[in-house]
Structures are given as structure tokens and as C-alpha cells.
Amino acid sequence: MLMYPQIDPVALQIGPLAIHWYGLTYLAAFALFMLLGTLRLRHVPYAAQGWTRKDVEDILFLGVLGVVVGGRLGYCLFYKPGYYAAHPLEIFAIWQGGMSFHGGLLGVIGAMLWFA
């Protein structure tokens, strides 16, 4: 039988404010995207095609929106559709948790199609 370690999901808590590990990984991923995107602008093929820092920022904004909205909606639709159909305002209660990878992936794919 596989034994999973019991890791506390809260990385840092100051009073009622709790910072979770997954939030820190999201932040790290978004920061790395911005860093790598701006470094990529120095390469000739991208600079020659007219890509700017604003384009990288726009892609990041849409990606963040896609992963958060898609992840939350994916969780609500894939895991507890009956509950959220009965309590639709609970969809916005993101502080209670509930994100899905596949919903986030679909959200980012949709955001990138919108950008394209």
C-alpha cells in the first residue's frame, strides 16, 4: 500500500491570512513565465516579428485568468455538479478550495486561442 506524507497545505499563516503551497507554486510559475518570456524577446525571430513586452504581459494576464477561472469551473462541473447547481453562488467561494488541473488546462487553452 502506498503511504502518502501528510504535508500541511498552509506554508505560512499570519493571523487569519493563510498562504498555501499551491498559491506559491502558481506565483512561481507566473514569475518564471514573465522572466522567460522577456528573455525570449531578445532572440531575433521574436523581435523581428514585432513581439513586445506588452504581448508577454497580455499572454500572462489571459493565462492567469484562464487557469484560475478554468480550474475553478472545472472543479465545480467535474467533481460536484449537483452541489454547485443547487448553490450557484458557492462557485465564487474560492477561499473554500477546489481547483482542477484539467479545468485549468482547458481554461488556458481557451485563453490562448482567444489571444491568437
PDB file of N, CA and C in Angstrom:
ATOM      1  N   MET A   1       0.841  -1.171   0.000  1.00  0.00           N
ATOM      2  CA  MET A   1       0.000   0.000   0.000  1.00  0.00           C
ATOM      3  C   MET A   1       0.893   1.244   0.000  1.00  0.00           C
ATOM      4  N   LEU A   2       0.517   2.213  -0.799  1.00  0.00           N
ATOM      5  CA  LEU A   2       1.260   3.462  -0.853  1.00  0.00           C
ATOM      6  C   LEU A   2       0.924   4.333   0.343  1.00  0.00           C
ATOM      7  N   MET A   3       1.937   4.892   0.927  1.00  0.00           N
ATOM      8  CA  MET A   3       1.745   5.806   2.050  1.00  0.00           C
ATOM      9  C   MET A   3       2.092   7.220   1.578  1.00  0.00           C
ATOM     10  N   TYR A   4       1.149   8.120   1.659  1.00  0.00           N
ATOM     11  CA  TYR A   4       1.382   9.494   1.264  1.00  0.00           C
ATOM     12  C   TYR A   4       1.772  10.312   2.492  1.00  0.00           C
ATOM     13  N   PRO A   5       2.768  11.176   2.347  1.00  0.00           N
ATOM     14  CA  PRO A   5       3.133  12.011   3.502  1.00  0.00           C
ATOM     15  C   PRO A   5       2.042  13.026   3.801  1.00  0.00           C
ATOM     16  N   GLN A   6       1.847  13.305   5.047  1.00  0.00           N
ATOM     17  CA  GLN A   6       0.847  14.281   5.478  1.00  0.00           C
ATOM     18  C   GLN A   6       1.520  15.653   5.555  1.00  0.00           C
ATOM     19  N   ILE A   7       1.447  16.389   4.465  1.00  0.00           N
ATOM     20  CA  ILE A   7       2.060  17.709   4.387  1.00  0.00           C
ATOM     21  C   ILE A   7       0.985  18.755   4.634  1.00  0.00           C
ATOM     22  N   ASP A   8       1.294  19.695   5.495  1.00  0.00           N
ATOM     23  CA  ASP A   8       0.370  20.779   5.781  1.00  0.00           C
ATOM     24  C   ASP A   8       0.238  21.656   4.531  1.00  0.00           C
ATOM     25  N   PRO A   9      -0.976  21.883   4.012  1.00  0.00           N
ATOM     26  CA  PRO A   9      -1.134  22.686   2.806  1.00  0.00           C
ATOM     27  C   PRO A   9      -0.832  24.168   3.020  1.00  0.00           C
ATOM     28  N   VAL A  10      -0.778  24.608   4.272  1.00  0.00           N
ATOM     29  CA  VAL A  10      -0.509  26.013   4.567  1.00  0.00           C
ATOM     30  C   VAL A  10       0.990  26.203   4.752  1.00  0.00           C
ATOM     31  N   ALA A  11       1.572  27.059   3.923  1.00  0.00           N
ATOM     32  CA  ALA A  11       3.005  27.326   4.018  1.00  0.00           C
ATOM     33  C   ALA A  11       3.305  28.349   5.105  1.00  0.00           C
ATOM     34  N   LEU A  12       2.454  29.365   5.207  1.00  0.00           N
ATOM     35  CA  LEU A  12       2.664  30.449   6.159  1.00  0.00           C
ATOM     36  C   LEU A  12       1.312  30.993   6.584  1.00  0.00           C
ATOM     37  N   GLN A  13       1.148  31.184   7.879  1.00  0.00           N
ATOM     38  CA  GLN A  13      -0.107  31.748   8.366  1.00  0.00           C
ATOM     39  C   GLN A  13       0.184  32.893   9.317  1.00  0.00           C
ATOM     40  N   ILE A  14      -0.415  34.043   9.011  1.00  0.00           N
ATOM     41  CA  ILE A  14      -0.300  35.234   9.849  1.00  0.00           C
ATOM     42  C   ILE A  14      -1.720  35.645  10.212  1.00  0.00           C
ATOM     43  N   GLY A  15      -2.121  35.294  11.425  1.00  0.00           N
ATOM     44  CA  GLY A  15      -3.489  35.574  11.849  1.00  0.00           C
ATOM     45  C   GLY A  15      -4.467  34.819  10.973  1.00  0.00           C
ATOM     46  N   PRO A  16      -5.482  35.504  10.436  1.00  0.00           N
ATOM     47  CA  PRO A  16      -6.457  34.821   9.588  1.00  0.00           C
ATOM     48  C   PRO A  16      -5.970  34.619   8.146  1.00  0.00           C
ATOM     49  N   LEU A  17      -4.847  35.236   7.782  1.00  0.00           N
ATOM     50  CA  LEU A  17      -4.311  35.127   6.427  1.00  0.00           C
ATOM     51  C   LEU A  17      -3.428  33.891   6.315  1.00  0.00           C
ATOM     52  N   ALA A  18      -3.798  32.984   5.428  1.00  0.00           N
ATOM     53  CA  ALA A  18      -3.025  31.761   5.220  1.00  0.00           C
ATOM     54  C   ALA A  18      -2.537  31.708   3.779  1.00  0.00           C
ATOM     55  N   ILE A  19      -1.251  31.455   3.602  1.00  0.00           N
ATOM     56  CA  ILE A  19      -0.653  31.313   2.276  1.00  0.00           C
ATOM     57  C   ILE A  19      -0.397  29.824   2.058  1.00  0.00           C
ATOM     58  N   HIS A  20      -1.020  29.272   1.025  1.00  0.00           N
ATOM     59  CA  HIS A  20      -0.910  27.843   0.742  1.00  0.00           C
ATOM     60  C   HIS A  20       0.236  27.561  -0.220  1.00  0.00           C
ATOM     61  N   TRP A  21       0.714  26.327  -0.175  1.00  0.00           N
ATOM     62  CA  TRP A  21       1.819  25.930  -1.047  1.00  0.00           C
ATOM     63  C   TRP A  21       1.436  26.028  -2.517  1.00  0.00           C
ATOM     64  N   TYR A  22       0.210  25.651  -2.867  1.00  0.00           N
ATOM     65  CA  TYR A  22      -0.179  25.711  -4.273  1.00  0.00           C
ATOM     66  C   TYR A  22      -0.233  27.149  -4.770  1.00  0.00           C
ATOM     67  N   GLY A  23      -0.558  28.092  -3.892  1.00  0.00           N
ATOM     68  CA  GLY A  23      -0.534  29.504  -4.271  1.00  0.00           C
ATOM     69  C   GLY A  23       0.878  29.974  -4.573  1.00  0.00           C
ATOM     70  N   LEU A  24       1.828  29.489  -3.772  1.00  0.00           N
ATOM     71  CA  LEU A  24       3.229  29.840  -4.028  1.00  0.00           C
ATOM     72  C   LEU A  24       3.726  29.234  -5.339  1.00  0.00           C
ATOM     73  N   THR A  25       3.263  28.029  -5.667  1.00  0.00           N
ATOM     74  CA  THR A  25       3.683  27.436  -6.940  1.00  0.00           C
ATOM     75  C   THR A  25       3.063  28.176  -8.121  1.00  0.00           C
ATOM     76  N   TYR A  26       1.810  28.614  -7.976  1.00  0.00           N
ATOM     77  CA  TYR A  26       1.222  29.451  -9.029  1.00  0.00           C
ATOM     78  C   TYR A  26       2.047  30.722  -9.218  1.00  0.00           C
ATOM     79  N   LEU A  27       2.380  31.370  -8.123  1.00  0.00           N
ATOM     80  CA  LEU A  27       3.162  32.606  -8.185  1.00  0.00           C
ATOM     81  C   LEU A  27       4.517  32.374  -8.832  1.00  0.00           C
ATOM     82  N   ALA A  28       5.182  31.285  -8.475  1.00  0.00           N
ATOM     83  CA  ALA A  28       6.478  30.960  -9.070  1.00  0.00           C
ATOM     84  C   ALA A  28       6.343  30.696 -10.570  1.00  0.00           C
ATOM     85  N   ALA A  29       5.295  29.981 -10.961  1.00  0.00           N
ATOM     86  CA  ALA A  29       5.086  29.692 -12.382  1.00  0.00           C
ATOM     87  C   ALA A  29       4.829  30.966 -13.176  1.00  0.00           C
ATOM     88  N   PHE A  30       4.027  31.877 -12.637  1.00  0.00           N
ATOM     89  CA  PHE A  30       3.735  33.117 -13.343  1.00  0.00           C
ATOM     90  C   PHE A  30       4.979  33.998 -13.434  1.00  0.00           C
ATOM     91  N   ALA A  31       5.766  34.045 -12.368  1.00  0.00           N
ATOM     92  CA  ALA A  31       7.004  34.837 -12.383  1.00  0.00           C
ATOM     93  C   ALA A  31       7.999  34.249 -13.379  1.00  0.00           C
ATOM     94  N   LEU A  32       8.131  32.919 -13.406  1.00  0.00           N
ATOM     95  CA  LEU A  32       9.042  32.291 -14.362  1.00  0.00           C
ATOM     96  C   LEU A  32       8.586  32.512 -15.800  1.00  0.00           C
ATOM     97  N   PHE A  33       7.284  32.475 -16.024  1.00  0.00           N
ATOM     98  CA  PHE A  33       6.778  32.753 -17.366  1.00  0.00           C
ATOM     99  C   PHE A  33       7.168  34.157 -17.808  1.00  0.00           C
ATOM    100  N   MET A  34       6.989  35.125 -16.915  1.00  0.00           N
ATOM    101  CA  MET A  34       7.324  36.508 -17.255  1.00  0.00           C
ATOM    102  C   MET A  34       8.816  36.651 -17.523  1.00  0.00           C
ATOM    103  N   LEU A  35       9.642  36.034 -16.688  1.00  0.00           N
ATOM    104  CA  LEU A  35      11.083  36.099 -16.878  1.00  0.00           C
ATOM    105  C   LEU A  35      11.499  35.463 -18.198  1.00  0.00           C
ATOM    106  N   LEU A  36      11.035  34.251 -18.453  1.00  0.00           N
ATOM    107  CA  LEU A  36      11.411  33.564 -19.682  1.00  0.00           C
ATOM    108  C   LEU A  36      10.831  34.246 -20.918  1.00  0.00           C
ATOM    109  N   GLY A  37       9.630  34.789 -20.789  1.00  0.00           N
ATOM    110  CA  GLY A  37       9.029  35.499 -21.924  1.00  0.00           C
ATOM    111  C   GLY A  37       9.799  36.751 -22.300  1.00  0.00           C
ATOM    112  N   THR A  38      10.241  37.523 -21.307  1.00  0.00           N
ATOM    113  CA  THR A  38      11.008  38.738 -21.612  1.00  0.00           C
ATOM    114  C   THR A  38      12.404  38.388 -22.109  1.00  0.00           C
ATOM    115  N   LEU A  39      12.981  37.306 -21.604  1.00  0.00           N
ATOM    116  CA  LEU A  39      14.279  36.874 -22.136  1.00  0.00           C
ATOM    117  C   LEU A  39      14.152  36.408 -23.582  1.00  0.00           C
ATOM    118  N   ARG A  40      13.044  35.745 -23.891  1.00  0.00           N
ATOM    119  CA  ARG A  40      12.822  35.253 -25.250  1.00  0.00           C
ATOM    120  C   ARG A  40      12.679  36.413 -26.243  1.00  0.00           C
ATOM    121  N   LEU A  41      12.228  37.567 -25.777  1.00  0.00           N
ATOM    122  CA  LEU A  41      12.075  38.724 -26.671  1.00  0.00           C
ATOM    123  C   LEU A  41      13.416  39.197 -27.232  1.00  0.00           C
ATOM    124  N   ARG A  42      14.513  38.838 -26.576  1.00  0.00           N
ATOM    125  CA  ARG A  42      15.832  39.243 -27.066  1.00  0.00           C
ATOM    126  C   ARG A  42      16.279  38.427 -28.272  1.00  0.00           C
ATOM    127  N   HIS A  43      15.640  37.296 -28.527  1.00  0.00           N
ATOM    128  CA  HIS A  43      16.015  36.459 -29.662  1.00  0.00           C
ATOM    129  C   HIS A  43      15.469  37.063 -30.946  1.00  0.00           C
ATOM    130  N   VAL A  44      16.239  36.962 -31.975  1.00  0.00           N
ATOM    131  CA  VAL A  44      15.924  37.620 -33.250  1.00  0.00           C
ATOM    132  C   VAL A  44      14.566  37.220 -33.827  1.00  0.00           C
ATOM    133  N   PRO A  45      14.186  35.935 -33.866  1.00  0.00           N
ATOM    134  CA  PRO A  45      12.900  35.623 -34.517  1.00  0.00           C
ATOM    135  C   PRO A  45      11.701  36.337 -33.889  1.00  0.00           C
ATOM    136  N   TYR A  46      11.704  36.489 -32.564  1.00  0.00           N
ATOM    137  CA  TYR A  46      10.555  37.106 -31.906  1.00  0.00           C
ATOM    138  C   TYR A  46      10.596  38.625 -32.041  1.00  0.00           C
ATOM    139  N   ALA A  47      11.780  39.202 -31.916  1.00  0.00           N
ATOM    140  CA  ALA A  47      11.911  40.653 -32.059  1.00  0.00           C
ATOM    141  C   ALA A  47      11.585  41.081 -33.488  1.00  0.00           C
ATOM    142  N   ALA A  48      11.969  40.261 -34.458  1.00  0.00           N
ATOM    143  CA  ALA A  48      11.717  40.599 -35.859  1.00  0.00           C
ATOM    144  C   ALA A  48      10.234  40.523 -36.197  1.00  0.00           C
ATOM    145  N   GLN A  49       9.474  39.727 -35.483  1.00  0.00           N
ATOM    146  CA  GLN A  49       8.043  39.601 -35.751  1.00  0.00           C
ATOM    147  C   GLN A  49       7.219  40.655 -35.026  1.00  0.00           C
ATOM    148  N   GLY A  50       7.873  41.513 -34.267  1.00  0.00           N
ATOM    149  CA  GLY A  50       7.165  42.607 -33.623  1.00  0.00           C
ATOM    150  C   GLY A  50       6.620  42.304 -32.238  1.00  0.00           C
ATOM    151  N   TRP A  51       7.047  41.222 -31.599  1.00  0.00           N
ATOM    152  CA  TRP A  51       6.608  40.911 -30.243  1.00  0.00           C
ATOM    153  C   TRP A  51       7.177  41.930 -29.279  1.00  0.00           C
ATOM    154  N   THR A  52       6.377  42.355 -28.326  1.00  0.00           N
ATOM    155  CA  THR A  52       6.811  43.321 -27.325  1.00  0.00           C
ATOM    156  C   THR A  52       6.558  42.774 -25.921  1.00  0.00           C
ATOM    157  N   ARG A  53       7.046  43.510 -24.934  1.00  0.00           N
ATOM    158  CA  ARG A  53       6.806  43.114 -23.541  1.00  0.00           C
ATOM    159  C   ARG A  53       5.315  43.159 -23.224  1.00  0.00           C
ATOM    160  N   LYS A  54       4.600  44.072 -23.843  1.00  0.00           N
ATOM    161  CA  LYS A  54       3.155  44.145 -23.632  1.00  0.00           C
ATOM    162  C   LYS A  54       2.468  42.862 -24.095  1.00  0.00           C
ATOM    163  N   ASP A  55       2.938  42.268 -25.176  1.00  0.00           N
ATOM    164  CA  ASP A  55       2.371  40.996 -25.637  1.00  0.00           C
ATOM    165  C   ASP A  55       2.578  39.898 -24.600  1.00  0.00           C
ATOM    166  N   VAL A  56       3.763  39.849 -24.016  1.00  0.00           N
ATOM    167  CA  VAL A  56       4.055  38.849 -22.984  1.00  0.00           C
ATOM    168  C   VAL A  56       3.166  39.086 -21.766  1.00  0.00           C
ATOM    169  N   GLU A  57       2.988  40.339 -21.380  1.00  0.00           N
ATOM    170  CA  GLU A  57       2.117  40.654 -20.244  1.00  0.00           C
ATOM    171  C   GLU A  57       0.668  40.291 -20.535  1.00  0.00           C
ATOM    172  N   ASP A  58       0.223  40.526 -21.778  1.00  0.00           N
ATOM    173  CA  ASP A  58      -1.151  40.165 -22.144  1.00  0.00           C
ATOM    174  C   ASP A  58      -1.356  38.654 -22.100  1.00  0.00           C
ATOM    175  N   ILE A  59      -0.377  37.901 -22.601  1.00  0.00           N
ATOM    176  CA  ILE A  59      -0.477  36.440 -22.552  1.00  0.00           C
ATOM    177  C   ILE A  59      -0.501  35.967 -21.097  1.00  0.00           C
ATOM    178  N   LEU A  60       0.331  36.563 -20.259  1.00  0.00           N
ATOM    179  CA  LEU A  60       0.348  36.192 -18.845  1.00  0.00           C
ATOM    180  C   LEU A  60      -0.995  36.485 -18.191  1.00  0.00           C
ATOM    181  N   PHE A  61      -1.550  37.655 -18.437  1.00  0.00           N
ATOM    182  CA  PHE A  61      -2.849  38.006 -17.847  1.00  0.00           C
ATOM    183  C   PHE A  61      -3.923  37.011 -18.262  1.00  0.00           C
ATOM    184  N   LEU A  62      -3.995  36.713 -19.557  1.00  0.00           N
ATOM    185  CA  LEU A  62      -5.005  35.772 -20.035  1.00  0.00           C
ATOM    186  C   LEU A  62      -4.745  34.369 -19.503  1.00  0.00           C
ATOM    187  N   GLY A  63      -3.475  33.985 -19.369  1.00  0.00           N
ATOM    188  CA  GLY A  63      -3.148  32.679 -18.812  1.00  0.00           C
ATOM    189  C   GLY A  63      -3.555  32.559 -17.359  1.00  0.00           C
ATOM    190  N   VAL A  64      -3.293  33.603 -16.578  1.00  0.00           N
ATOM    191  CA  VAL A  64      -3.697  33.600 -15.163  1.00  0.00           C
ATOM    192  C   VAL A  64      -5.225  33.520 -15.069  1.00  0.00           C
ATOM    193  N   LEU A  65      -5.898  34.307 -15.858  1.00  0.00           N
ATOM    194  CA  LEU A  65      -7.360  34.282 -15.872  1.00  0.00           C
ATOM    195  C   LEU A  65      -7.872  32.898 -16.279  1.00  0.00           C
ATOM    196  N   GLY A  66      -7.261  32.325 -17.306  1.00  0.00           N
ATOM    197  CA  GLY A  66      -7.683  31.008 -17.780  1.00  0.00           C
ATOM    198  C   GLY A  66      -7.470  29.919 -16.754  1.00  0.00           C
ATOM    199  N   VAL A  67      -6.316  29.935 -16.070  1.00  0.00           N
ATOM    200  CA  VAL A  67      -6.037  28.866 -15.106  1.00  0.00           C
ATOM    201  C   VAL A  67      -6.920  28.998 -13.868  1.00  0.00           C
ATOM    202  N   VAL A  68      -7.182  30.201 -13.415  1.00  0.00           N
ATOM    203  CA  VAL A  68      -7.991  30.375 -12.199  1.00  0.00           C
ATOM    204  C   VAL A  68      -9.472  30.113 -12.500  1.00  0.00           C
ATOM    205  N   VAL A  69      -9.998  30.741 -13.530  1.00  0.00           N
ATOM    206  CA  VAL A  69     -11.421  30.559 -13.856  1.00  0.00           C
ATOM    207  C   VAL A  69     -11.672  29.128 -14.338  1.00  0.00           C
ATOM    208  N   GLY A  70     -10.810  28.640 -15.234  1.00  0.00           N
ATOM    209  CA  GLY A  70     -10.983  27.280 -15.736  1.00  0.00           C
ATOM    210  C   GLY A  70     -10.811  26.234 -14.656  1.00  0.00           C
ATOM    211  N   GLY A  71      -9.827  26.434 -13.775  1.00  0.00           N
ATOM    212  CA  GLY A  71      -9.611  25.488 -12.684  1.00  0.00           C
ATOM    213  C   GLY A  71     -10.790  25.424 -11.740  1.00  0.00           C
ATOM    214  N   ARG A  72     -11.343  26.564 -11.422  1.00  0.00           N
ATOM    215  CA  ARG A  72     -12.491  26.592 -10.501  1.00  0.00           C
ATOM    216  C   ARG A  72     -13.744  26.016 -11.158  1.00  0.00           C
ATOM    217  N   LEU A  73     -14.025  26.454 -12.390  1.00  0.00           N
ATOM    218  CA  LEU A  73     -15.203  25.932 -13.083  1.00  0.00           C
ATOM    219  C   LEU A  73     -15.072  24.441 -13.359  1.00  0.00           C
ATOM    220  N   GLY A  74     -13.846  24.006 -13.673  1.00  0.00           N
ATOM    221  CA  GLY A  74     -13.624  22.578 -13.883  1.00  0.00           C
ATOM    222  C   GLY A  74     -13.918  21.775 -12.638  1.00  0.00           C
ATOM    223  N   TYR A  75     -13.481  22.277 -11.494  1.00  0.00           N
ATOM    224  CA  TYR A  75     -13.771  21.594 -10.233  1.00  0.00           C
ATOM    225  C   TYR A  75     -15.274  21.530  -9.987  1.00  0.00           C
ATOM    226  N   CYS A  76     -15.940  22.639 -10.199  1.00  0.00           N
ATOM    227  CA  CYS A  76     -17.383  22.694  -9.937  1.00  0.00           C
ATOM    228  C   CYS A  76     -18.167  21.794 -10.894  1.00  0.00           C
ATOM    229  N   LEU A  77     -17.764  21.742 -12.146  1.00  0.00           N
ATOM    230  CA  LEU A  77     -18.510  20.958 -13.134  1.00  0.00           C
ATOM    231  C   LEU A  77     -18.136  19.483 -13.137  1.00  0.00           C
ATOM    232  N   PHE A  78     -16.863  19.167 -12.874  1.00  0.00           N
ATOM    233  CA  PHE A  78     -16.417  17.774 -12.959  1.00  0.00           C
ATOM    234  C   PHE A  78     -16.594  17.008 -11.655  1.00  0.00           C
ATOM    235  N   TYR A  79     -16.446  17.664 -10.514  1.00  0.00           N
ATOM    236  CA  TYR A  79     -16.435  16.951  -9.247  1.00  0.00           C
ATOM    237  C   TYR A  79     -17.715  17.074  -8.432  1.00  0.00           C
ATOM    238  N   LYS A  80     -18.362  18.239  -8.439  1.00  0.00           N
ATOM    239  CA  LYS A  80     -19.578  18.423  -7.633  1.00  0.00           C
ATOM    240  C   LYS A  80     -20.641  19.198  -8.413  1.00  0.00           C
ATOM    241  N   PRO A  81     -21.044  18.706  -9.576  1.00  0.00           N
ATOM    242  CA  PRO A  81     -22.011  19.492 -10.366  1.00  0.00           C
ATOM    243  C   PRO A  81     -23.367  19.643  -9.690  1.00  0.00           C
ATOM    244  N   GLY A  82     -23.817  18.625  -9.000  1.00  0.00           N
ATOM    245  CA  GLY A  82     -25.116  18.707  -8.339  1.00  0.00           C
ATOM    246  C   GLY A  82     -25.125  19.736  -7.219  1.00  0.00           C
ATOM    247  N   TYR A  83     -24.050  19.760  -6.435  1.00  0.00           N
ATOM    248  CA  TYR A  83     -23.976  20.704  -5.321  1.00  0.00           C
ATOM    249  C   TYR A  83     -23.949  22.136  -5.833  1.00  0.00           C
ATOM    250  N   TYR A  84     -23.110  22.397  -6.846  1.00  0.00           N
ATOM    251  CA  TYR A  84     -22.988  23.769  -7.340  1.00  0.00           C
ATOM    252  C   TYR A  84     -24.183  24.192  -8.189  1.00  0.00           C
ATOM    253  N   ALA A  85     -24.933  23.239  -8.731  1.00  0.00           N
ATOM    254  CA  ALA A  85     -26.182  23.593  -9.413  1.00  0.00           C
ATOM    255  C   ALA A  85     -27.218  24.052  -8.393  1.00  0.00           C
ATOM    256  N   ALA A  86     -27.189  23.436  -7.209  1.00  0.00           N
ATOM    257  CA  ALA A  86     -28.116  23.830  -6.148  1.00  0.00           C
ATOM    258  C   ALA A  86     -27.659  25.088  -5.415  1.00  0.00           C
ATOM    259  N   HIS A  87     -26.344  25.343  -5.392  1.00  0.00           N
ATOM    260  CA  HIS A  87     -25.773  26.513  -4.706  1.00  0.00           C
ATOM    261  C   HIS A  87     -24.846  27.268  -5.659  1.00  0.00           C
ATOM    262  N   PRO A  88     -25.383  27.938  -6.660  1.00  0.00           N
ATOM    263  CA  PRO A  88     -24.530  28.558  -7.685  1.00  0.00           C
ATOM    264  C   PRO A  88     -23.613  29.664  -7.166  1.00  0.00           C
ATOM    265  N   LEU A  89     -23.983  30.355  -6.115  1.00  0.00           N
ATOM    266  CA  LEU A  89     -23.119  31.414  -5.589  1.00  0.00           C
ATOM    267  C   LEU A  89     -21.878  30.856  -4.902  1.00  0.00           C
ATOM    268  N   GLU A  90     -21.912  29.579  -4.520  1.00  0.00           N
ATOM    269  CA  GLU A  90     -20.752  28.929  -3.900  1.00  0.00           C
ATOM    270  C   GLU A  90     -19.592  28.771  -4.890  1.00  0.00           C
ATOM    271  N   ILE A  91     -19.877  28.891  -6.175  1.00  0.00           N
ATOM    272  CA  ILE A  91     -18.809  28.809  -7.189  1.00  0.00           C
ATOM    273  C   ILE A  91     -17.772  29.895  -6.934  1.00  0.00           C
ATOM    274  N   PHE A  92     -18.203  31.042  -6.449  1.00  0.00           N
ATOM    275  CA  PHE A  92     -17.293  32.163  -6.214  1.00  0.00           C
ATOM    276  C   PHE A  92     -16.545  32.067  -4.885  1.00  0.00           C
ATOM    277  N   ALA A  93     -16.861  31.087  -4.054  1.00  0.00           N
ATOM    278  CA  ALA A  93     -16.216  30.924  -2.741  1.00  0.00           C
ATOM    279  C   ALA A  93     -14.890  30.180  -2.913  1.00  0.00           C
ATOM    280  N   ILE A  94     -13.944  30.839  -3.557  1.00  0.00           N
ATOM    281  CA  ILE A  94     -12.672  30.180  -3.861  1.00  0.00           C
ATOM    282  C   ILE A  94     -11.823  29.962  -2.621  1.00  0.00           C
ATOM    283  N   TRP A  95     -12.099  30.680  -1.543  1.00  0.00           N
ATOM    284  CA  TRP A  95     -11.332  30.510  -0.314  1.00  0.00           C
ATOM    285  C   TRP A  95     -11.634  29.164   0.350  1.00  0.00           C
ATOM    286  N   GLN A  96     -12.690  28.500  -0.088  1.00  0.00           N
ATOM    287  CA  GLN A  96     -13.005  27.184   0.452  1.00  0.00           C
ATOM    288  C   GLN A  96     -12.263  26.077  -0.297  1.00  0.00           C
ATOM    289  N   GLY A  97     -11.504  26.446  -1.316  1.00  0.00           N
ATOM    290  CA  GLY A  97     -10.734  25.457  -2.073  1.00  0.00           C
ATOM    291  C   GLY A  97     -11.529  24.879  -3.219  1.00  0.00           C
ATOM    292  N   GLY A  98     -10.821  24.131  -4.040  1.00  0.00           N
ATOM    293  CA  GLY A  98     -11.451  23.460  -5.161  1.00  0.00           C
ATOM    294  C   GLY A  98     -10.980  23.994  -6.490  1.00  0.00           C
ATOM    295  N   MET A  99      -9.940  23.353  -7.041  1.00  0.00           N
ATOM    296  CA  MET A  99      -9.431  23.677  -8.376  1.00  0.00           C
ATOM    297  C   MET A  99      -9.138  22.338  -9.050  1.00  0.00           C
ATOM    298  N   SER A 100      -9.286  22.271 -10.357  1.00  0.00           N
ATOM    299  CA  SER A 100      -8.954  21.048 -11.071  1.00  0.00           C
ATOM    300  C   SER A 100      -7.923  21.364 -12.145  1.00  0.00           C
ATOM    301  N   PHE A 101      -6.987  20.427 -12.304  1.00  0.00           N
ATOM    302  CA  PHE A 101      -5.941  20.613 -13.308  1.00  0.00           C
ATOM    303  C   PHE A 101      -6.530  20.660 -14.707  1.00  0.00           C
ATOM    304  N   HIS A 102      -7.401  19.705 -15.021  1.00  0.00           N
ATOM    305  CA  HIS A 102      -7.940  19.639 -16.375  1.00  0.00           C
ATOM    306  C   HIS A 102      -8.821  20.844 -16.690  1.00  0.00           C
ATOM    307  N   GLY A 103      -9.515  21.386 -15.716  1.00  0.00           N
ATOM    308  CA  GLY A 103     -10.272  22.612 -15.945  1.00  0.00           C
ATOM    309  C   GLY A 103      -9.350  23.792 -16.196  1.00  0.00           C
ATOM    310  N   GLY A 104      -8.248  23.866 -15.423  1.00  0.00           N
ATOM    311  CA  GLY A 104      -7.255  24.917 -15.643  1.00  0.00           C
ATOM    312  C   GLY A 104      -6.606  24.804 -17.006  1.00  0.00           C
ATOM    313  N   LEU A 105      -6.308  23.575 -17.417  1.00  0.00           N
ATOM    314  CA  LEU A 105      -5.720  23.356 -18.740  1.00  0.00           C
ATOM    315  C   LEU A 105      -6.668  23.815 -19.841  1.00  0.00           C
ATOM    316  N   LEU A 106      -7.937  23.449 -19.717  1.00  0.00           N
ATOM    317  CA  LEU A 106      -8.918  23.892 -20.716  1.00  0.00           C
ATOM    318  C   LEU A 106      -9.083  25.412 -20.704  1.00  0.00           C
ATOM    319  N   GLY A 107      -9.014  26.006 -19.517  1.00  0.00           N
ATOM    320  CA  GLY A 107      -9.103  27.458 -19.419  1.00  0.00           C
ATOM    321  C   GLY A 107      -7.927  28.153 -20.091  1.00  0.00           C
ATOM    322  N   VAL A 108      -6.729  27.625 -19.899  1.00  0.00           N
ATOM    323  CA  VAL A 108      -5.547  28.220 -20.532  1.00  0.00           C
ATOM    324  C   VAL A 108      -5.588  28.014 -22.048  1.00  0.00           C
ATOM    325  N   ILE A 109      -6.014  26.850 -22.499  1.00  0.00           N
ATOM    326  CA  ILE A 109      -6.140  26.620 -23.945  1.00  0.00           C
ATOM    327  C   ILE A 109      -7.131  27.617 -24.543  1.00  0.00           C
ATOM    328  N   GLY A 110      -8.258  27.819 -23.874  1.00  0.00           N
ATOM    329  CA  GLY A 110      -9.234  28.807 -24.348  1.00  0.00           C
ATOM    330  C   GLY A 110      -8.673  30.217 -24.351  1.00  0.00           C
ATOM    331  N   ALA A 111      -7.919  30.574 -23.316  1.00  0.00           N
ATOM    332  CA  ALA A 111      -7.328  31.913 -23.242  1.00  0.00           C
ATOM    333  C   ALA A 111      -6.309  32.127 -24.355  1.00  0.00           C
ATOM    334  N   MET A 112      -5.522  31.101 -24.645  1.00  0.00           N
ATOM    335  CA  MET A 112      -4.510  31.247 -25.704  1.00  0.00           C
ATOM    336  C   MET A 112      -5.164  31.303 -27.088  1.00  0.00           C
ATOM    337  N   LEU A 113      -6.256  30.570 -27.265  1.00  0.00           N
ATOM    338  CA  LEU A 113      -6.996  30.684 -28.535  1.00  0.00           C
ATOM    339  C   LEU A 113      -7.584  32.079 -28.684  1.00  0.00           C
ATOM    340  N   TRP A 114      -8.049  32.649 -27.578  1.00  0.00           N
ATOM    341  CA  TRP A 114      -8.588  33.999 -27.604  1.00  0.00           C
ATOM    342  C   TRP A 114      -7.472  34.993 -27.950  1.00  0.00           C
ATOM    343  N   PHE A 115      -6.305  34.806 -27.369  1.00  0.00           N
ATOM    344  CA  PHE A 115      -5.188  35.695 -27.665  1.00  0.00           C
ATOM    345  C   PHE A 115      -4.762  35.589 -29.124  1.00  0.00           C
ATOM    346  N   ALA A 116      -4.740  34.363 -29.623  1.00  0.00           N
ATOM    347  CA  ALA A 116      -4.311  34.146 -31.016  1.00  0.00           C
ATOM    348  C   ALA A 116      -5.295  34.770 -31.982  1.00  0.00           C
TER     349      ALA A 116
END
